[in-house]
Amino acid sequence: MDLALRPQPLSLKFSQPGQLVLYLDLRPELMA
């Protein structure tokens, strides 16, 4: 589950609702 760790085009993230939610949910933990 390293998709959020890899720099990807926003279009790719937003194209997948499930991935987008995971990305936003993991974001705070990665930044913290």
N, C-alpha and C. Protein backbone atom coordinates (compact mmCIF):
# COMPACT_ATOMS: atom_id res chain seq x y z
N MET A 1 0.85 -1.21 0.00
CA MET A 1 0.00 0.00 0.00
C MET A 1 0.87 1.25 0.00
N ASP A 2 1.79 1.30 -0.95
CA ASP A 2 2.72 2.45 -1.01
C ASP A 2 2.29 3.44 -2.08
N LEU A 3 1.04 3.35 -2.52
CA LEU A 3 0.55 4.26 -3.56
C LEU A 3 0.61 5.70 -3.08
N ALA A 4 0.28 5.92 -1.80
CA ALA A 4 0.27 7.27 -1.25
C ALA A 4 1.69 7.79 -1.09
N LEU A 5 2.65 6.87 -0.98
CA LEU A 5 4.04 7.27 -0.78
C LEU A 5 4.68 7.70 -2.09
N ARG A 6 4.18 7.17 -3.18
CA ARG A 6 4.77 7.49 -4.48
C ARG A 6 4.11 8.72 -5.10
N PRO A 7 4.91 9.63 -5.64
CA PRO A 7 4.38 10.82 -6.31
C PRO A 7 3.62 10.43 -7.57
N GLN A 8 2.32 10.67 -7.58
CA GLN A 8 1.49 10.32 -8.73
C GLN A 8 0.63 11.51 -9.11
N PRO A 9 0.25 11.58 -10.38
CA PRO A 9 -0.66 12.64 -10.85
C PRO A 9 -1.95 12.61 -10.06
N LEU A 10 -2.45 13.82 -9.71
CA LEU A 10 -3.70 13.90 -8.96
C LEU A 10 -4.83 13.23 -9.72
N SER A 11 -4.77 13.31 -11.05
CA SER A 11 -5.82 12.72 -11.88
C SER A 11 -5.91 11.21 -11.63
N LEU A 12 -4.76 10.58 -11.39
CA LEU A 12 -4.74 9.14 -11.15
C LEU A 12 -5.41 8.82 -9.82
N LYS A 13 -5.10 9.63 -8.80
CA LYS A 13 -5.69 9.41 -7.48
C LYS A 13 -7.20 9.64 -7.53
N PHE A 14 -7.61 10.74 -8.16
CA PHE A 14 -9.02 11.10 -8.18
C PHE A 14 -9.83 10.17 -9.08
N SER A 15 -9.15 9.48 -9.98
CA SER A 15 -9.84 8.57 -10.89
C SER A 15 -10.31 7.33 -10.13
N GLN A 16 -9.72 7.09 -8.97
CA GLN A 16 -10.10 5.93 -8.16
C GLN A 16 -10.60 6.39 -6.79
N PRO A 17 -11.92 6.46 -6.60
CA PRO A 17 -12.53 6.92 -5.34
C PRO A 17 -11.98 6.19 -4.12
N GLY A 18 -11.87 4.88 -4.22
CA GLY A 18 -11.36 4.09 -3.10
C GLY A 18 -9.93 4.49 -2.75
N GLN A 19 -9.10 4.66 -3.77
CA GLN A 19 -7.71 5.04 -3.56
C GLN A 19 -7.62 6.44 -3.00
N LEU A 20 -8.52 7.32 -3.45
CA LEU A 20 -8.51 8.70 -3.00
C LEU A 20 -8.78 8.76 -1.50
N VAL A 21 -9.77 8.00 -1.07
CA VAL A 21 -10.11 7.97 0.36
C VAL A 21 -8.94 7.43 1.17
N LEU A 22 -8.32 6.36 0.67
CA LEU A 22 -7.17 5.78 1.36
C LEU A 22 -6.04 6.78 1.43
N TYR A 23 -5.80 7.47 0.32
CA TYR A 23 -4.72 8.45 0.24
C TYR A 23 -4.93 9.56 1.26
N LEU A 24 -6.15 10.10 1.30
CA LEU A 24 -6.46 11.20 2.22
C LEU A 24 -6.42 10.71 3.66
N ASP A 25 -6.80 9.46 3.88
CA ASP A 25 -6.85 8.91 5.22
C ASP A 25 -5.44 8.64 5.75
N LEU A 26 -4.54 8.22 4.85
CA LEU A 26 -3.17 7.91 5.26
C LEU A 26 -2.30 9.15 5.30
N ARG A 27 -2.71 10.18 4.58
CA ARG A 27 -1.93 11.40 4.47
C ARG A 27 -1.51 11.97 5.82
N PRO A 28 -2.45 12.19 6.75
CA PRO A 28 -2.11 12.77 8.05
C PRO A 28 -1.05 11.94 8.79
N GLU A 29 -1.18 10.63 8.71
CA GLU A 29 -0.23 9.77 9.42
C GLU A 29 1.17 9.87 8.80
N LEU A 30 1.23 9.96 7.48
CA LEU A 30 2.51 10.06 6.79
C LEU A 30 3.17 11.40 7.09
N MET A 31 2.35 12.44 7.14
CA MET A 31 2.88 13.78 7.39
C MET A 31 3.30 13.94 8.85
N ALA A 32 2.61 13.24 9.73
CA ALA A 32 2.89 13.38 11.17
C ALA A 32 4.19 12.78 11.53
